Amino acid sequence: MANFENMDAGMHASDDDFTYVFSIYFFGASFIKDVSEAMGPENFDAAIREIYDTYYLLQSDTEGVFDIFRSHTDADIDSLIEVYFPNRNTAE
């Protein structure tokens, strides 16, 4: 069983689908919780609304979603992004 430590772990880092799915859902929920707490409920809700309005029926892109979160808060969410997505700038 693979040890997933962040959201950047690819699906082939595990020998089974369960480990990958569990890890992504666990870290995804933890990231959303931490971002929500850092931003505050009103700012977080506004960001989620903008993400929905921007990407409804479209494929979102990671940096675009992060930019929307950033635009709705003065909180330092970049430190959270680095914790959960440390390899995002290294992907080709």
Protein backbone atom coordinates (compact mmCIF):
# COMPACT_ATOMS: atom_id res chain seq x y z
CA MET A 1 0.00 0.00 0.00
CA ALA A 2 1.46 3.36 -1.04
CA ASN A 3 1.93 6.14 1.47
CA PHE A 4 0.32 9.26 0.06
CA GLU A 5 1.58 12.41 1.75
CA ASN A 6 -0.01 15.06 -0.47
CA MET A 7 -2.40 15.66 -3.35
CA ASP A 8 0.38 15.39 -5.93
CA ALA A 9 0.66 11.61 -5.69
CA GLY A 10 -0.29 10.20 -9.05
CA MET A 11 -2.72 7.38 -9.46
CA HIS A 12 0.11 5.03 -10.46
CA ALA A 13 1.87 5.57 -7.12
CA SER A 14 -0.35 2.86 -5.66
CA ASP A 15 -0.86 -0.78 -6.43
CA ASP A 16 -4.61 -0.48 -5.94
CA ASP A 17 -7.35 1.99 -6.77
CA PHE A 18 -8.69 2.10 -3.21
CA THR A 19 -5.49 3.59 -1.81
CA TYR A 20 -5.41 6.31 -4.46
CA VAL A 21 -9.11 7.19 -4.15
CA PHE A 22 -9.02 7.20 -0.35
CA SER A 23 -5.93 9.38 -0.30
CA ILE A 24 -7.27 11.91 -2.81
CA TYR A 25 -10.59 12.21 -0.99
CA PHE A 26 -8.91 12.45 2.41
CA PHE A 27 -6.36 15.08 1.38
CA GLY A 28 -8.90 16.90 -0.79
CA ALA A 29 -11.34 17.24 2.09
CA SER A 30 -8.55 18.30 4.44
CA PHE A 31 -7.35 20.95 1.97
CA ILE A 32 -10.86 22.36 1.51
CA LYS A 33 -11.38 22.45 5.29
CA ASP A 34 -8.08 24.23 5.89
CA VAL A 35 -8.64 26.76 3.09
CA SER A 36 -12.16 27.42 4.32
CA GLU A 37 -10.93 28.05 7.85
CA ALA A 38 -8.12 30.32 6.63
CA MET A 39 -10.40 32.37 4.37
CA GLY A 40 -13.46 32.54 6.59
CA PRO A 41 -16.91 31.33 5.56
CA GLU A 42 -18.07 34.36 3.57
CA ASN A 43 -14.89 34.62 1.52
CA PHE A 44 -14.75 30.87 0.99
CA ASP A 45 -18.38 30.75 -0.14
CA ALA A 46 -17.78 33.62 -2.57
CA ALA A 47 -14.74 31.82 -3.98
CA ILE A 48 -16.65 28.57 -4.41
CA ARG A 49 -19.44 30.48 -6.18
CA GLU A 50 -16.91 32.05 -8.56
CA ILE A 51 -15.26 28.69 -9.21
CA TYR A 52 -18.67 27.25 -10.05
CA ASP A 53 -19.61 30.21 -12.27
CA THR A 54 -16.25 30.13 -14.04
CA TYR A 55 -15.92 26.40 -14.61
CA TYR A 56 -19.51 25.16 -14.85
CA LEU A 57 -19.49 22.37 -17.47
CA LEU A 58 -15.81 23.05 -18.15
CA GLN A 59 -12.62 21.44 -16.96
CA SER A 60 -11.02 23.59 -14.30
CA ASP A 61 -7.30 24.15 -14.06
CA THR A 62 -5.46 23.99 -10.77
CA GLU A 63 -3.80 27.41 -10.87
CA GLY A 64 -7.04 29.05 -11.98
CA VAL A 65 -8.84 27.64 -8.95
CA PHE A 66 -6.00 28.71 -6.66
CA ASP A 67 -6.12 32.22 -8.19
CA ILE A 68 -9.83 32.45 -7.43
CA PHE A 69 -9.24 31.44 -3.82
CA ARG A 70 -6.46 34.05 -3.57
CA SER A 71 -8.68 36.78 -5.04
CA HIS A 72 -11.22 36.33 -2.25
CA THR A 73 -8.91 36.61 0.76
CA ASP A 74 -5.92 38.35 2.25
CA ALA A 75 -5.08 35.17 4.17
CA ASP A 76 -1.90 33.33 3.24
CA ILE A 77 -3.34 30.30 1.50
CA ASP A 78 -0.14 29.78 -0.49
CA SER A 79 1.40 28.03 2.51
CA LEU A 80 -1.54 25.59 2.51
CA ILE A 81 -1.20 25.06 -1.23
CA GLU A 82 2.47 24.23 -0.74
CA VAL A 83 1.63 21.66 1.95
CA TYR A 84 -1.01 19.88 -0.11
CA PHE A 85 0.47 20.40 -3.60
CA PRO A 86 4.26 20.64 -3.15
CA ASN A 87 5.05 19.31 -6.62
CA ARG A 88 2.53 21.34 -8.65
CA ASN A 89 5.17 23.55 -10.26
CA THR A 90 7.32 20.60 -11.27
CA ALA A 91 4.70 18.80 -13.36
CA GLU A 92 5.27 19.02 -17.08
